[in-house]
Amino acid sequence: MIKVAIHGAGGRMGHALIEAAAQNPEIKLTAALERNDSDLIGQDAGIVAGIGKLGVKITSNAEAVLNKFDVIVDFTQPAPSLKLLELCANNKKRVVIGTTGFTEDEKKKILTAADKTAVVFAPNMSVGVNLCFKLLDVAARVLRNEVDVEIIEAHHRLKVDAPSGTALRMGEVIADALGRNLQKDAIYGREGRTGERDRKTIGFSTIRGGDIVGDHTVMFAGLGERVEITHKSNSRMTYANGAMRASIWLIQQANGLYDMQDVLELR
């Protein structure tokens, strides 16, 4: 039985993670964390998640619960995520990071921390999305530079980063397959007289509204035909269950930085 903690237990994604942990027979939820100004501190994590009492009280003190878990799953914001990662790395605790919005410098800090412990860091924990990453790599290598690539993503109105981490990862996968540099070739939205499209660019379009969990479509548009690869999430449980799968896999791994492609053996 793997002992798992949830960082960000009070949010909607946190609720899904608590439920996924409680439903998985290989996992025991042993700790739940929230920021220190949360009014959920001291409440039962199961009650907060709406699945009934679990006997795990939400706390803000990560150091106090370090001995209670084997793996901690983090879906928060970059700053608290990095602070937790540093604490866990120094104490040899494994970490699954589903937080998005990290800068390139912050990603380097994650890589450095992975020298001390095992970390799964992925912009999307969904098994289906990670299968799409593999399909995108194959599609890009087959279609090569004979198509225009556009990535369209939609999320709920409360999401604070754009494009989504998943959309950016999709762009990275395609750029790598085509030998391009996404930082140079990405186009984030268009307005006015933009001129003829440069085929080397990878376009991104972002939609924010309502309670959309997460939709992603990659369009490979050629002359006379179009290939589209689409993934739609109807529930946060898809991400939560993927995070639990990553936690179970990670417990057997040596120090290092991994992603869901490693977890699912898609490399």
C-alpha atoms as a PDB file:
ATOM      1  CA  MET A   1       0.000   0.000   0.000  1.00  0.00           C
ATOM      2  CA  ILE A   2       1.471   3.330  -1.099  1.00  0.00           C
ATOM      3  CA  LYS A   3       0.952   6.292   1.213  1.00  0.00           C
ATOM      4  CA  VAL A   4       0.004   9.391  -0.776  1.00  0.00           C
ATOM      5  CA  ALA A   5      -0.418  13.053   0.195  1.00  0.00           C
ATOM      6  CA  ILE A   6      -2.285  15.718  -1.793  1.00  0.00           C
ATOM      7  CA  HIS A   7      -0.968  19.297  -2.078  1.00  0.00           C
ATOM      8  CA  GLY A   8      -3.772  21.631  -3.098  1.00  0.00           C
ATOM      9  CA  ALA A   9      -6.498  19.579  -1.435  1.00  0.00           C
ATOM     10  CA  GLY A  10      -9.047  22.387  -1.261  1.00  0.00           C
ATOM     11  CA  GLY A  11      -9.428  23.098  -4.970  1.00  0.00           C
ATOM     12  CA  ARG A  12     -11.602  21.297  -7.494  1.00  0.00           C
ATOM     13  CA  MET A  13      -8.628  19.328  -8.749  1.00  0.00           C
ATOM     14  CA  GLY A  14      -7.698  18.557  -5.147  1.00  0.00           C
ATOM     15  CA  HIS A  15     -11.158  17.123  -4.560  1.00  0.00           C
ATOM     16  CA  ALA A  16     -10.742  14.837  -7.572  1.00  0.00           C
ATOM     17  CA  LEU A  17      -7.305  13.723  -6.345  1.00  0.00           C
ATOM     18  CA  ILE A  18      -8.700  12.894  -2.909  1.00  0.00           C
ATOM     19  CA  GLU A  19     -11.496  10.867  -4.500  1.00  0.00           C
ATOM     20  CA  ALA A  20      -9.095   9.054  -6.850  1.00  0.00           C
ATOM     21  CA  ALA A  21      -6.767   8.182  -3.957  1.00  0.00           C
ATOM     22  CA  ALA A  22      -9.660   6.900  -1.853  1.00  0.00           C
ATOM     23  CA  GLN A  23     -10.934   4.715  -4.724  1.00  0.00           C
ATOM     24  CA  ASN A  24      -7.576   3.158  -5.627  1.00  0.00           C
ATOM     25  CA  PRO A  25      -6.943  -0.134  -3.755  1.00  0.00           C
ATOM     26  CA  GLU A  26      -3.168   0.305  -4.032  1.00  0.00           C
ATOM     27  CA  ILE A  27      -3.168   3.740  -2.386  1.00  0.00           C
ATOM     28  CA  LYS A  28      -3.862   5.065   1.085  1.00  0.00           C
ATOM     29  CA  LEU A  29      -4.433   8.815   1.467  1.00  0.00           C
ATOM     30  CA  THR A  30      -2.430   9.835   4.523  1.00  0.00           C
ATOM     31  CA  ALA A  31      -2.066  13.630   4.293  1.00  0.00           C
ATOM     32  CA  ALA A  32      -3.709  16.641   2.659  1.00  0.00           C
ATOM     33  CA  LEU A  33      -2.210  20.113   2.385  1.00  0.00           C
ATOM     34  CA  GLU A  34      -3.537  23.593   1.699  1.00  0.00           C
ATOM     35  CA  ARG A  35      -2.127  27.117   1.977  1.00  0.00           C
ATOM     36  CA  ASN A  36      -1.891  28.473   5.507  1.00  0.00           C
ATOM     37  CA  ASP A  37      -4.663  31.066   5.055  1.00  0.00           C
ATOM     38  CA  SER A  38      -7.224  28.514   3.879  1.00  0.00           C
ATOM     39  CA  ASP A  39     -10.426  28.169   5.901  1.00  0.00           C
ATOM     40  CA  LEU A  40     -10.266  24.416   5.239  1.00  0.00           C
ATOM     41  CA  ILE A  41      -7.394  23.845   7.657  1.00  0.00           C
ATOM     42  CA  GLY A  42      -8.419  21.260  10.229  1.00  0.00           C
ATOM     43  CA  GLN A  43     -11.308  19.887   8.193  1.00  0.00           C
ATOM     44  CA  ASP A  44     -11.522  16.273   7.062  1.00  0.00           C
ATOM     45  CA  ALA A  45     -10.240  15.874   3.479  1.00  0.00           C
ATOM     46  CA  GLY A  46     -12.969  13.406   2.567  1.00  0.00           C
ATOM     47  CA  ILE A  47     -15.733  15.679   3.820  1.00  0.00           C
ATOM     48  CA  VAL A  48     -14.252  18.600   1.864  1.00  0.00           C
ATOM     49  CA  ALA A  49     -14.100  16.461  -1.282  1.00  0.00           C
ATOM     50  CA  GLY A  50     -17.682  15.315  -0.809  1.00  0.00           C
ATOM     51  CA  ILE A  51     -16.936  11.584  -0.440  1.00  0.00           C
ATOM     52  CA  GLY A  52     -17.382  11.143   3.313  1.00  0.00           C
ATOM     53  CA  LYS A  53     -15.050  11.145   6.295  1.00  0.00           C
ATOM     54  CA  LEU A  54     -11.560   9.727   5.684  1.00  0.00           C
ATOM     55  CA  GLY A  55      -9.893  10.630   8.968  1.00  0.00           C
ATOM     56  CA  VAL A  56      -7.288  12.825   7.237  1.00  0.00           C
ATOM     57  CA  LYS A  57      -7.296  16.445   8.352  1.00  0.00           C
ATOM     58  CA  ILE A  58      -6.150  19.181   6.000  1.00  0.00           C
ATOM     59  CA  THR A  59      -3.043  20.998   7.207  1.00  0.00           C
ATOM     60  CA  SER A  60      -0.697  23.714   5.965  1.00  0.00           C
ATOM     61  CA  ASN A  61       2.390  22.295   7.671  1.00  0.00           C
ATOM     62  CA  ALA A  62       4.213  20.107   5.147  1.00  0.00           C
ATOM     63  CA  GLU A  63       7.134  19.431   7.468  1.00  0.00           C
ATOM     64  CA  ALA A  64       4.797  18.015  10.110  1.00  0.00           C
ATOM     65  CA  VAL A  65       3.467  15.323   7.746  1.00  0.00           C
ATOM     66  CA  LEU A  66       6.693  14.368   5.934  1.00  0.00           C
ATOM     67  CA  ASN A  67       6.838  11.017   7.724  1.00  0.00           C
ATOM     68  CA  LYS A  68       3.250  10.194   6.744  1.00  0.00           C
ATOM     69  CA  PHE A  69       3.617   9.784   2.972  1.00  0.00           C
ATOM     70  CA  ASP A  70       5.736   8.078   0.310  1.00  0.00           C
ATOM     71  CA  VAL A  71       4.611  10.263  -2.601  1.00  0.00           C
ATOM     72  CA  ILE A  72       2.988  13.687  -2.679  1.00  0.00           C
ATOM     73  CA  VAL A  73       0.843  14.851  -5.602  1.00  0.00           C
ATOM     74  CA  ASP A  74       1.005  18.584  -6.301  1.00  0.00           C
ATOM     75  CA  PHE A  75      -1.604  20.534  -8.282  1.00  0.00           C
ATOM     76  CA  THR A  76      -1.173  24.129  -7.097  1.00  0.00           C
ATOM     77  CA  GLN A  77       0.778  27.135  -8.437  1.00  0.00           C
ATOM     78  CA  PRO A  78       4.476  27.357  -9.416  1.00  0.00           C
ATOM     79  CA  ALA A  79       5.712  29.184  -6.276  1.00  0.00           C
ATOM     80  CA  PRO A  80       4.203  26.845  -3.638  1.00  0.00           C
ATOM     81  CA  SER A  81       4.969  23.861  -5.844  1.00  0.00           C
ATOM     82  CA  LEU A  82       8.679  24.699  -5.960  1.00  0.00           C
ATOM     83  CA  LYS A  83       8.781  25.355  -2.226  1.00  0.00           C
ATOM     84  CA  LEU A  84       7.246  21.952  -1.540  1.00  0.00           C
ATOM     85  CA  LEU A  85       9.559  20.277  -4.062  1.00  0.00           C
ATOM     86  CA  GLU A  86      12.636  21.661  -2.322  1.00  0.00           C
ATOM     87  CA  LEU A  87      11.421  20.332   1.031  1.00  0.00           C
ATOM     88  CA  CYS A  88      10.621  16.910  -0.423  1.00  0.00           C
ATOM     89  CA  ALA A  89      13.897  16.650  -2.341  1.00  0.00           C
ATOM     90  CA  ASN A  90      15.885  17.385   0.800  1.00  0.00           C
ATOM     91  CA  ASN A  91      13.955  14.658   2.620  1.00  0.00           C
ATOM     92  CA  LYS A  92      13.978  12.041  -0.160  1.00  0.00           C
ATOM     93  CA  LYS A  93      10.223  12.174  -0.706  1.00  0.00           C
ATOM     94  CA  ARG A  94       8.908  11.434  -4.201  1.00  0.00           C
ATOM     95  CA  VAL A  95       6.798  14.070  -5.942  1.00  0.00           C
ATOM     96  CA  VAL A  96       4.223  14.027  -8.753  1.00  0.00           C
ATOM     97  CA  ILE A  97       3.799  17.535 -10.211  1.00  0.00           C
ATOM     98  CA  GLY A  98       0.726  18.381 -12.259  1.00  0.00           C
ATOM     99  CA  THR A  99       1.054  22.132 -11.731  1.00  0.00           C
ATOM    100  CA  THR A 100       1.466  24.207 -14.914  1.00  0.00           C
ATOM    101  CA  GLY A 101       2.673  27.717 -15.737  1.00  0.00           C
ATOM    102  CA  PHE A 102       6.348  27.284 -14.803  1.00  0.00           C
ATOM    103  CA  THR A 103       8.932  29.532 -16.432  1.00  0.00           C
ATOM    104  CA  GLU A 104      12.000  28.014 -18.085  1.00  0.00           C
ATOM    105  CA  ASP A 105      14.107  28.961 -15.052  1.00  0.00           C
ATOM    106  CA  GLU A 106      11.587  27.313 -12.735  1.00  0.00           C
ATOM    107  CA  LYS A 107      11.666  24.151 -14.837  1.00  0.00           C
ATOM    108  CA  LYS A 108      15.435  24.082 -14.355  1.00  0.00           C
ATOM    109  CA  LYS A 109      14.856  24.111 -10.601  1.00  0.00           C
ATOM    110  CA  ILE A 110      12.640  21.055 -10.954  1.00  0.00           C
ATOM    111  CA  LEU A 111      15.383  19.302 -12.909  1.00  0.00           C
ATOM    112  CA  THR A 112      17.925  20.163 -10.208  1.00  0.00           C
ATOM    113  CA  ALA A 113      15.637  18.878  -7.439  1.00  0.00           C
ATOM    114  CA  ALA A 114      15.255  15.591  -9.317  1.00  0.00           C
ATOM    115  CA  ASP A 115      18.927  14.865  -8.606  1.00  0.00           C
ATOM    116  CA  LYS A 116      17.872  14.272  -4.997  1.00  0.00           C
ATOM    117  CA  THR A 117      14.573  12.434  -5.443  1.00  0.00           C
ATOM    118  CA  ALA A 118      12.265  10.888  -8.037  1.00  0.00           C
ATOM    119  CA  VAL A 119       9.881  13.330  -9.727  1.00  0.00           C
ATOM    120  CA  VAL A 120       7.131  12.887 -12.308  1.00  0.00           C
ATOM    121  CA  PHE A 121       6.510  16.279 -13.915  1.00  0.00           C
ATOM    122  CA  ALA A 122       3.868  16.410 -16.633  1.00  0.00           C
ATOM    123  CA  PRO A 123       1.616  19.191 -17.927  1.00  0.00           C
ATOM    124  CA  ASN A 124      -1.224  16.696 -18.183  1.00  0.00           C
ATOM    125  CA  MET A 125      -1.698  13.466 -16.224  1.00  0.00           C
ATOM    126  CA  SER A 126      -4.484  12.100 -18.435  1.00  0.00           C
ATOM    127  CA  VAL A 127      -3.670   8.745 -20.005  1.00  0.00           C
ATOM    128  CA  GLY A 128      -5.576   9.763 -23.139  1.00  0.00           C
ATOM    129  CA  VAL A 129      -3.703  13.057 -23.518  1.00  0.00           C
ATOM    130  CA  ASN A 130      -0.373  11.298 -23.194  1.00  0.00           C
ATOM    131  CA  LEU A 131      -1.422   8.829 -25.849  1.00  0.00           C
ATOM    132  CA  CYS A 132      -2.173  11.879 -28.020  1.00  0.00           C
ATOM    133  CA  PHE A 133       1.382  13.133 -27.463  1.00  0.00           C
ATOM    134  CA  LYS A 134       2.621   9.886 -29.001  1.00  0.00           C
ATOM    135  CA  LEU A 135       0.167  10.147 -31.896  1.00  0.00           C
ATOM    136  CA  LEU A 136       1.227  13.749 -32.549  1.00  0.00           C
ATOM    137  CA  ASP A 137       4.855  12.705 -32.780  1.00  0.00           C
ATOM    138  CA  VAL A 138       3.960  10.028 -35.334  1.00  0.00           C
ATOM    139  CA  ALA A 139       1.717  12.393 -37.319  1.00  0.00           C
ATOM    140  CA  ALA A 140       4.335  15.135 -37.447  1.00  0.00           C
ATOM    141  CA  ARG A 141       7.032  12.746 -38.660  1.00  0.00           C
ATOM    142  CA  VAL A 142       4.762  11.349 -41.381  1.00  0.00           C
ATOM    143  CA  LEU A 143       3.275  14.660 -42.568  1.00  0.00           C
ATOM    144  CA  ARG A 144       6.558  16.555 -42.170  1.00  0.00           C
ATOM    145  CA  ASN A 145       6.685  20.126 -43.506  1.00  0.00           C
ATOM    146  CA  GLU A 146       3.844  19.643 -45.968  1.00  0.00           C
ATOM    147  CA  VAL A 147       1.136  20.871 -43.556  1.00  0.00           C
ATOM    148  CA  ASP A 148       0.312  23.901 -41.414  1.00  0.00           C
ATOM    149  CA  VAL A 149       0.075  23.122 -37.696  1.00  0.00           C
ATOM    150  CA  GLU A 150      -2.506  24.804 -35.466  1.00  0.00           C
ATOM    151  CA  ILE A 151      -3.241  24.003 -31.819  1.00  0.00           C
ATOM    152  CA  ILE A 152      -6.579  25.021 -30.317  1.00  0.00           C
ATOM    153  CA  GLU A 153      -7.270  24.643 -26.597  1.00  0.00           C
ATOM    154  CA  ALA A 154     -10.214  25.498 -24.336  1.00  0.00           C
ATOM    155  CA  HIS A 155     -10.427  25.595 -20.528  1.00  0.00           C
ATOM    156  CA  HIS A 156     -12.624  26.965 -17.755  1.00  0.00           C
ATOM    157  CA  ARG A 157     -12.761  30.666 -17.009  1.00  0.00           C
ATOM    158  CA  LEU A 158     -10.679  30.350 -13.821  1.00  0.00           C
ATOM    159  CA  LYS A 159      -7.524  28.974 -15.478  1.00  0.00           C
ATOM    160  CA  VAL A 160      -4.759  31.552 -15.049  1.00  0.00           C
ATOM    161  CA  ASP A 161      -2.123  30.469 -17.607  1.00  0.00           C
ATOM    162  CA  ALA A 162      -2.388  30.456 -21.394  1.00  0.00           C
ATOM    163  CA  PRO A 163      -1.801  28.601 -23.568  1.00  0.00           C
ATOM    164  CA  SER A 164      -2.317  25.572 -21.355  1.00  0.00           C
ATOM    165  CA  GLY A 165       0.661  23.484 -20.354  1.00  0.00           C
ATOM    166  CA  THR A 166      -0.821  20.636 -22.372  1.00  0.00           C
ATOM    167  CA  ALA A 167      -1.076  22.763 -25.517  1.00  0.00           C
ATOM    168  CA  LEU A 168       2.509  23.918 -25.106  1.00  0.00           C
ATOM    169  CA  ARG A 169       3.674  20.336 -24.625  1.00  0.00           C
ATOM    170  CA  MET A 170       1.827  19.364 -27.795  1.00  0.00           C
ATOM    171  CA  GLY A 171       3.690  22.127 -29.584  1.00  0.00           C
ATOM    172  CA  GLU A 172       7.005  20.925 -28.174  1.00  0.00           C
ATOM    173  CA  VAL A 173       6.351  17.353 -29.302  1.00  0.00           C
ATOM    174  CA  ILE A 174       5.560  18.511 -32.832  1.00  0.00           C
ATOM    175  CA  ALA A 175       8.483  20.947 -32.973  1.00  0.00           C
ATOM    176  CA  ASP A 176      10.906  18.252 -31.827  1.00  0.00           C
ATOM    177  CA  ALA A 177       9.587  15.817 -34.425  1.00  0.00           C
ATOM    178  CA  LEU A 178      10.013  18.435 -37.172  1.00  0.00           C
ATOM    179  CA  GLY A 179      13.395  19.719 -35.997  1.00  0.00           C
ATOM    180  CA  ARG A 180      12.012  23.145 -35.100  1.00  0.00           C
ATOM    181  CA  ASN A 181      12.416  25.450 -32.107  1.00  0.00           C
ATOM    182  CA  LEU A 182       9.035  26.180 -30.524  1.00  0.00           C
ATOM    183  CA  GLN A 183      10.277  29.333 -28.793  1.00  0.00           C
ATOM    184  CA  LYS A 184      11.095  30.819 -32.197  1.00  0.00           C
ATOM    185  CA  ASP A 185       8.303  29.318 -34.284  1.00  0.00           C
ATOM    186  CA  ALA A 186       5.228  29.642 -32.039  1.00  0.00           C
ATOM    187  CA  ILE A 187       2.510  32.168 -32.932  1.00  0.00           C
ATOM    188  CA  TYR A 188       0.139  32.989 -30.071  1.00  0.00           C
ATOM    189  CA  GLY A 189      -3.008  34.354 -31.679  1.00  0.00           C
ATOM    190  CA  ARG A 190      -3.408  36.596 -34.724  1.00  0.00           C
ATOM    191  CA  GLU A 191      -4.968  39.984 -35.328  1.00  0.00           C
ATOM    192  CA  GLY A 192      -5.146  42.450 -38.210  1.00  0.00           C
ATOM    193  CA  ARG A 193      -3.335  42.055 -41.500  1.00  0.00           C
ATOM    194  CA  THR A 194      -0.927  39.269 -40.626  1.00  0.00           C
ATOM    195  CA  GLY A 195       0.166  38.422 -44.146  1.00  0.00           C
ATOM    196  CA  GLU A 196       0.532  34.966 -45.619  1.00  0.00           C
ATOM    197  CA  ARG A 197       1.083  32.188 -43.126  1.00  0.00           C
ATOM    198  CA  ASP A 198       4.651  30.936 -42.677  1.00  0.00           C
ATOM    199  CA  ARG A 199       4.488  27.126 -42.822  1.00  0.00           C
ATOM    200  CA  LYS A 200       7.312  26.838 -40.298  1.00  0.00           C
ATOM    201  CA  THR A 201       5.210  28.437 -37.575  1.00  0.00           C
ATOM    202  CA  ILE A 202       3.054  26.544 -35.058  1.00  0.00           C
ATOM    203  CA  GLY A 203      -0.109  28.452 -34.209  1.00  0.00           C
ATOM    204  CA  PHE A 204      -1.885  28.529 -30.839  1.00  0.00           C
ATOM    205  CA  SER A 205      -5.464  29.609 -30.162  1.00  0.00           C
ATOM    206  CA  THR A 206      -6.827  29.882 -26.615  1.00  0.00           C
ATOM    207  CA  ILE A 207     -10.421  29.788 -25.372  1.00  0.00           C
ATOM    208  CA  ARG A 208     -11.435  30.512 -21.769  1.00  0.00           C
ATOM    209  CA  GLY A 209     -15.009  30.156 -20.601  1.00  0.00           C
ATOM    210  CA  GLY A 210     -17.503  28.532 -18.278  1.00  0.00           C
ATOM    211  CA  ASP A 211     -16.537  25.226 -16.695  1.00  0.00           C
ATOM    212  CA  ILE A 212     -14.737  23.578 -19.643  1.00  0.00           C
ATOM    213  CA  VAL A 213     -12.474  20.960 -18.087  1.00  0.00           C
ATOM    214  CA  GLY A 214     -10.043  20.786 -20.993  1.00  0.00           C
ATOM    215  CA  ASP A 215     -10.283  20.421 -24.778  1.00  0.00           C
ATOM    216  CA  HIS A 216      -7.305  20.207 -27.135  1.00  0.00           C
ATOM    217  CA  THR A 217      -7.234  19.865 -30.915  1.00  0.00           C
ATOM    218  CA  VAL A 218      -4.170  19.798 -33.134  1.00  0.00           C
ATOM    219  CA  MET A 219      -4.849  20.475 -36.803  1.00  0.00           C
ATOM    220  CA  PHE A 220      -2.422  19.371 -39.509  1.00  0.00           C
ATOM    221  CA  ALA A 221      -3.822  21.314 -42.486  1.00  0.00           C
ATOM    222  CA  GLY A 222      -2.499  20.400 -45.902  1.00  0.00           C
ATOM    223  CA  LEU A 223      -3.647  21.115 -49.449  1.00  0.00           C
ATOM    224  CA  GLY A 224      -6.698  18.954 -50.122  1.00  0.00           C
ATOM    225  CA  GLU A 225      -6.791  17.194 -46.745  1.00  0.00           C
ATOM    226  CA  ARG A 226      -6.657  17.838 -43.029  1.00  0.00           C
ATOM    227  CA  VAL A 227      -5.748  15.588 -40.108  1.00  0.00           C
ATOM    228  CA  GLU A 228      -7.025  16.472 -36.639  1.00  0.00           C
ATOM    229  CA  ILE A 229      -6.127  14.862 -33.336  1.00  0.00           C
ATOM    230  CA  THR A 230      -8.508  15.832 -30.539  1.00  0.00           C
ATOM    231  CA  HIS A 231      -8.777  15.077 -26.843  1.00  0.00           C
ATOM    232  CA  LYS A 232     -11.671  16.228 -24.649  1.00  0.00           C
ATOM    233  CA  SER A 233     -11.823  15.877 -20.878  1.00  0.00           C
ATOM    234  CA  ASN A 234     -15.266  15.698 -19.313  1.00  0.00           C
ATOM    235  CA  SER A 235     -14.048  15.186 -15.753  1.00  0.00           C
ATOM    236  CA  ARG A 236     -11.020  16.058 -13.646  1.00  0.00           C
ATOM    237  CA  MET A 237     -10.995  12.424 -12.583  1.00  0.00           C
ATOM    238  CA  THR A 238      -9.105  11.632 -15.800  1.00  0.00           C
ATOM    239  CA  TYR A 239      -6.187  13.704 -14.518  1.00  0.00           C
ATOM    240  CA  ALA A 240      -6.567  12.486 -10.948  1.00  0.00           C
ATOM    241  CA  ASN A 241      -6.528   8.807 -11.891  1.00  0.00           C
ATOM    242  CA  GLY A 242      -3.481   9.413 -14.066  1.00  0.00           C
ATOM    243  CA  ALA A 243      -1.730  11.073 -11.132  1.00  0.00           C
ATOM    244  CA  MET A 244      -2.449   8.034  -8.957  1.00  0.00           C
ATOM    245  CA  ARG A 245      -1.046   5.770 -11.672  1.00  0.00           C
ATOM    246  CA  ALA A 246       2.075   7.952 -11.734  1.00  0.00           C
ATOM    247  CA  SER A 247       2.384   7.732  -7.941  1.00  0.00           C
ATOM    248  CA  ILE A 248       2.272   3.932  -7.989  1.00  0.00           C
ATOM    249  CA  TRP A 249       4.873   3.811 -10.769  1.00  0.00           C
ATOM    250  CA  LEU A 250       7.152   6.393  -9.176  1.00  0.00           C
ATOM    251  CA  ILE A 251       7.620   4.503  -5.924  1.00  0.00           C
ATOM    252  CA  GLN A 252       9.812   1.997  -7.771  1.00  0.00           C
ATOM    253  CA  GLN A 253      12.011   4.532  -9.565  1.00  0.00           C
ATOM    254  CA  ALA A 254      15.474   5.901  -8.836  1.00  0.00           C
ATOM    255  CA  ASN A 255      16.137   9.617  -8.463  1.00  0.00           C
ATOM    256  CA  GLY A 256      15.493  11.541 -11.659  1.00  0.00           C
ATOM    257  CA  LEU A 257      12.980  13.530 -13.676  1.00  0.00           C
ATOM    258  CA  TYR A 258      10.246  11.569 -15.437  1.00  0.00           C
ATOM    259  CA  ASP A 259       6.998  12.345 -17.242  1.00  0.00           C
ATOM    260  CA  MET A 260       3.837  10.449 -18.131  1.00  0.00           C
ATOM    261  CA  GLN A 261       5.439   9.068 -21.281  1.00  0.00           C
ATOM    262  CA  ASP A 262       7.784   7.176 -18.939  1.00  0.00           C
ATOM    263  CA  VAL A 263       4.927   6.111 -16.661  1.00  0.00           C
ATOM    264  CA  LEU A 264       2.928   4.719 -19.600  1.00  0.00           C
ATOM    265  CA  GLU A 265       5.979   3.239 -21.369  1.00  0.00           C
ATOM    266  CA  LEU A 266       5.262   5.250 -24.524  1.00  0.00           C
ATOM    267  CA  ARG A 267       8.861   6.162 -25.334  1.00  0.00           C
END
